Amino acid sequence: MNLADILTPAQINPELKATDRWQAIDELIENLVVTGKIAPQNREAIAAVVKKRETSMSTGIGFGIGIPHASTDLIYEVVGALGRSKKGVNFDSLDNQPVNLVMLFLVPQGQFQKHLHTLASIAKSLHKKDFRRSLEEAADSPAMFEIIKIESGGK
């Protein structure tokens, strides 16, 4: 499962307004509600589970990347939203640097292997400096999605 499998241009926010990781998580969860990927009545419960996971250890993995994620029984397929911040978001990252790309994803409860494989795939892609730079410089969400499709093997 790669980024192109779980994102659409509508699930990419090229202008995150968030200044910290909690606001970024809320903004990306709101995107999932607006795009119909999660039910509005599940917004708060899903935000709580993602924030609980984030409290245990920051998912700011360095290189300007944050990958907040969680498992929940309130979804039936892997869903995600990508946000870009030109200013940078305080994510309490491992390298203490601001985060420019935040990839939130959710996996159905009990799909541990899928969770690990999705996390590994996303981290592997986002660790590529040229890929990150392309996403950071892209004009808008459709352009970002095209870059993601190319990175994901043209799917």
Foldseek 3Di string as FASTA:
>chain_A
DAPLVADDLLLEAAAQPAQAPLSVLLVSLVSCCVVVQFPPVCSVVVSVQQVVVCVVDFQQADPQEGEGEGEEQRGDAKHKGKYAHPVFHQRVHPVRGGHGIYIYMYGYPPPVVVVVVHVVNHCVQCVDPVLVVQLNPAPGSVSNSCSRCVSVPND
